């Protein structure tokens, strides 16, 4: 075969892939749940809508039983040997699943960081107001970032800023714990406080009545 001349583009082999179109329920694809004809195992362990064990059956036989009852065959434990399928209403199954996930998300406490800003020249009234804000944030379960910006010549008196932030930490007391001690970043001094984890006091045993 003669060599390819320089500058001549190489022959490109084009491969055309046929795109298969499969109709499927988008919700089941999102959850990776196989139902009905999409179950590919040779045999499955079947549980009916009442929780009764129907034994190990071929998928087509289990699906026929589900159809006779006007329900779906849902693969609930694909990694089991053999996979476990339940006869149930698939739409209701998804509804209950999403409902339980929403309830679990609501129970989760989202911790945010609330910032309280001070200045070197803060007066007593403003300090007390910001201190009370920090205490309220911590009581609500949020973290607090106490920050103080030095301006111009104030950088020569950093001890004044440390004095204010350390006073705040001391005044907050048991309401919060220091997560990051006061430190400088550029012209800003800041500290991070987190809500304190108070242990629930154990109830004292009732005194035993003496006869």
Protein backbone atom coordinates (compact mmCIF):
# COMPACT_ATOMS: atom_id res chain seq x y z
CA UNK A 1 0.00 0.00 0.00
CA UNK A 2 1.64 3.32 -1.09
CA UNK A 3 2.33 5.89 1.64
CA UNK A 4 -0.21 8.67 2.14
CA UNK A 5 1.01 11.97 0.61
CA UNK A 6 1.90 14.73 3.09
CA UNK A 7 -0.93 17.17 3.60
CA UNK A 8 -3.58 14.67 2.56
CA UNK A 9 -6.10 14.18 5.39
CA UNK A 10 -6.38 10.73 6.85
CA UNK A 11 -9.44 8.74 6.01
CA UNK A 12 -11.94 9.02 8.78
CA UNK A 13 -14.20 6.11 9.45
CA UNK A 14 -17.64 7.27 10.39
CA UNK A 15 -19.69 4.99 12.57
CA UNK A 16 -23.39 5.65 12.76
CA UNK A 17 -25.00 4.51 15.98
CA UNK A 18 -28.67 3.74 15.89
CA UNK A 19 -30.47 5.43 18.75
CA UNK A 20 -32.91 3.10 20.39
CA UNK A 21 -36.07 4.67 21.67
CA UNK A 22 -37.44 3.16 24.82
CA UNK A 23 -40.54 4.53 26.43
CA UNK A 24 -40.25 4.63 30.19
CA UNK A 25 -41.64 6.43 33.17
CA UNK A 26 -39.39 9.44 33.92
CA UNK A 27 -39.94 9.18 37.62
CA UNK A 28 -38.83 5.56 37.73
CA UNK A 29 -35.74 6.41 35.66
CA UNK A 30 -34.91 9.18 38.11
CA UNK A 31 -35.20 6.81 41.05
CA UNK A 32 -33.61 3.83 39.24
CA UNK A 33 -36.59 1.67 40.11
CA UNK A 34 -37.50 -1.19 37.79
CA UNK A 35 -41.18 -1.99 37.42
CA UNK A 36 -43.29 -4.48 35.47
CA UNK A 37 -41.71 -5.46 32.11
CA UNK A 38 -38.45 -3.66 32.97
CA UNK A 39 -37.55 -6.28 35.59
CA UNK A 40 -34.85 -8.46 33.97
CA UNK A 41 -34.05 -11.06 36.63
CA UNK A 42 -34.76 -14.72 35.85
CA UNK A 43 -36.66 -15.13 39.10
CA UNK A 44 -37.77 -12.82 41.91
CA UNK A 45 -39.00 -13.14 45.46
CA UNK A 46 -42.52 -11.74 45.53
CA UNK A 47 -44.37 -9.98 48.35
CA UNK A 48 -48.01 -9.07 47.75
CA UNK A 49 -49.84 -5.88 48.71
CA UNK A 50 -50.72 -7.32 52.12
CA UNK A 51 -47.11 -8.19 52.98
CA UNK A 52 -47.61 -11.91 52.36
CA UNK A 53 -44.79 -13.94 50.84
CA UNK A 54 -45.75 -15.48 47.49
CA UNK A 55 -42.43 -17.28 47.08
CA UNK A 56 -39.89 -17.19 44.26
CA UNK A 57 -41.49 -16.79 40.84
CA UNK A 58 -40.48 -15.94 37.27
CA UNK A 59 -41.07 -12.23 36.61
CA UNK A 60 -43.74 -12.88 33.97
CA UNK A 61 -45.76 -14.96 36.45
CA UNK A 62 -45.37 -12.37 39.21
CA UNK A 63 -46.41 -9.62 36.79
CA UNK A 64 -49.46 -11.59 35.72
CA UNK A 65 -50.50 -11.87 39.36
CA UNK A 66 -50.02 -8.12 39.82
CA UNK A 67 -52.07 -7.35 36.70
CA UNK A 68 -54.89 -9.57 37.90
CA UNK A 69 -55.05 -7.45 41.05
CA UNK A 70 -54.89 -4.17 39.14
CA UNK A 71 -51.46 -3.33 40.58
CA UNK A 72 -47.80 -3.08 39.53
CA UNK A 73 -44.77 -5.24 40.17
CA UNK A 74 -42.07 -3.04 41.75
CA UNK A 75 -38.47 -4.14 42.34
CA UNK A 76 -37.80 -2.88 45.88
CA UNK A 77 -34.53 -4.71 46.61
CA UNK A 78 -32.56 -5.21 43.38
CA UNK A 79 -29.33 -6.33 45.09
CA UNK A 80 -30.91 -9.23 46.94
CA UNK A 81 -30.50 -12.79 45.61
CA UNK A 82 -32.98 -13.20 44.08
CA UNK A 83 -34.25 -9.59 43.77
CA UNK A 84 -37.27 -8.76 45.92
CA UNK A 85 -40.38 -7.39 44.22
CA UNK A 86 -43.56 -6.09 45.76
CA UNK A 87 -47.03 -6.05 44.26
CA UNK A 88 -48.39 -2.56 44.85
CA UNK A 89 -49.69 0.65 43.31
CA UNK A 90 -46.57 2.19 41.82
CA UNK A 91 -47.96 5.73 41.76
CA UNK A 92 -48.85 5.55 45.44
CA UNK A 93 -45.45 4.03 46.20
CA UNK A 94 -43.70 7.04 44.65
CA UNK A 95 -46.01 9.44 46.47
CA UNK A 96 -45.28 7.86 49.85
CA UNK A 97 -41.56 7.73 49.09
CA UNK A 98 -41.41 11.43 48.18
CA UNK A 99 -43.53 12.30 51.21
CA UNK A 100 -41.16 10.54 53.59
CA UNK A 101 -38.13 12.19 51.94
CA UNK A 102 -39.72 15.64 52.34
CA UNK A 103 -40.44 14.93 56.00
CA UNK A 104 -36.82 13.84 56.53
CA UNK A 105 -35.54 17.07 54.93
CA UNK A 106 -37.78 19.15 57.20
CA UNK A 107 -36.36 17.44 60.27
CA UNK A 108 -32.83 18.38 59.27
CA UNK A 109 -31.58 21.57 60.93
CA UNK A 110 -29.79 23.85 58.48
CA UNK A 111 -27.06 25.74 60.33
CA UNK A 112 -26.29 29.16 58.91
CA UNK A 113 -23.62 31.68 59.85
CA UNK A 114 -24.96 35.08 60.94
CA UNK A 115 -22.49 37.96 60.99
CA UNK A 116 -22.40 40.63 63.69
CA UNK A 117 -20.20 43.60 62.78
CA UNK A 118 -18.36 45.84 65.23
CA UNK A 119 -16.07 48.82 64.94
CA UNK A 120 -13.22 50.02 67.12
CA UNK A 121 -15.30 53.07 68.09
CA UNK A 122 -18.46 51.12 68.99
CA UNK A 123 -20.37 52.74 71.87
CA UNK A 124 -21.87 50.84 74.79
CA UNK A 125 -25.47 50.92 73.53
CA UNK A 126 -24.51 49.62 70.08
CA UNK A 127 -22.30 46.95 71.65
CA UNK A 128 -25.15 45.67 73.83
CA UNK A 129 -27.51 45.58 70.84
CA UNK A 130 -25.08 43.51 68.76
CA UNK A 131 -24.27 41.26 71.69
CA UNK A 132 -27.98 40.49 72.15
CA UNK A 133 -28.25 39.74 68.42
CA UNK A 134 -25.42 37.25 68.69
CA UNK A 135 -27.02 35.57 71.71
CA UNK A 136 -30.34 35.31 69.86
CA UNK A 137 -28.68 33.80 66.78
CA UNK A 138 -26.89 31.20 68.91
CA UNK A 139 -30.09 30.36 70.78
CA UNK A 140 -31.77 29.72 67.40
CA UNK A 141 -29.06 27.19 66.55
CA UNK A 142 -27.05 29.34 64.12
CA UNK A 143 -23.34 30.12 64.17
CA UNK A 144 -22.13 33.68 64.67
CA UNK A 145 -19.26 35.43 62.95
CA UNK A 146 -18.17 38.42 65.02
CA UNK A 147 -16.13 40.73 62.81
CA UNK A 148 -14.40 44.07 63.34
CA UNK A 149 -12.87 46.15 60.55
CA UNK A 150 -9.91 48.42 61.19
CA UNK A 151 -9.83 51.62 59.16
CA UNK A 152 -6.74 53.69 58.40
CA UNK A 153 -4.68 54.46 61.49
CA UNK A 154 -6.80 52.10 63.59
CA UNK A 155 -4.51 49.30 62.39
CA UNK A 156 -1.91 50.64 64.82
CA UNK A 157 -4.26 49.86 67.72
CA UNK A 158 -5.31 46.29 67.07
CA UNK A 159 -5.44 45.58 70.80
CA UNK A 160 -8.65 47.66 70.96
CA UNK A 161 -10.32 45.35 68.45
CA UNK A 162 -9.17 42.22 70.28
CA UNK A 163 -10.51 43.71 73.50
CA UNK A 164 -13.99 44.13 72.00
CA UNK A 165 -14.18 40.64 70.46
CA UNK A 166 -12.82 38.97 73.60
CA UNK A 167 -15.35 40.89 75.68
CA UNK A 168 -18.12 39.58 73.43
CA UNK A 169 -16.91 35.99 73.88
CA UNK A 170 -16.84 36.45 77.64
CA UNK A 171 -20.30 38.10 77.76
CA UNK A 172 -21.92 35.35 75.66
CA UNK A 173 -20.77 32.81 78.23
CA UNK A 174 -22.43 29.39 78.10
CA UNK A 175 -24.74 30.36 75.21
CA UNK A 176 -21.97 29.62 72.70
CA UNK A 177 -18.58 28.04 72.27
CA UNK A 178 -15.64 29.52 70.37
CA UNK A 179 -15.08 27.59 67.14
CA UNK A 180 -12.32 29.90 65.84
CA UNK A 181 -10.44 32.22 68.17
CA UNK A 182 -10.07 35.89 67.12
CA UNK A 183 -7.67 36.24 64.20
CA UNK A 184 -6.75 38.80 61.57
CA UNK A 185 -7.48 38.49 57.86
CA UNK A 186 -6.33 41.61 56.09
CA UNK A 187 -7.89 44.56 57.93
CA UNK A 188 -10.65 42.44 59.53
CA UNK A 189 -10.52 40.75 62.90
CA UNK A 190 -13.07 38.00 63.34
CA UNK A 191 -14.06 35.04 65.48
CA UNK A 192 -16.58 32.23 64.94
CA UNK A 193 -18.93 31.10 67.71
CA UNK A 194 -21.16 28.03 67.59
CA UNK A 195 -24.20 27.10 69.69
CA UNK A 196 -23.25 25.28 72.86
CA UNK A 197 -24.44 21.70 73.20
CA UNK A 198 -26.00 21.59 76.59
CA UNK A 199 -26.54 18.14 78.02
CA UNK A 200 -30.08 17.45 79.12
CA UNK A 201 -30.04 17.09 82.91
CA UNK A 202 -31.02 13.65 84.06
CA UNK A 203 -34.12 13.58 86.24
CA UNK A 204 -33.41 12.96 89.89
CA UNK A 205 -34.89 9.74 91.29
CA UNK A 206 -37.90 10.28 93.52
CA UNK A 207 -37.13 9.81 97.19
CA UNK A 208 -38.22 6.47 98.57
CA UNK A 209 -40.84 6.84 101.27
CA UNK A 210 -39.73 5.25 104.47
CA UNK A 211 -42.18 3.01 106.23
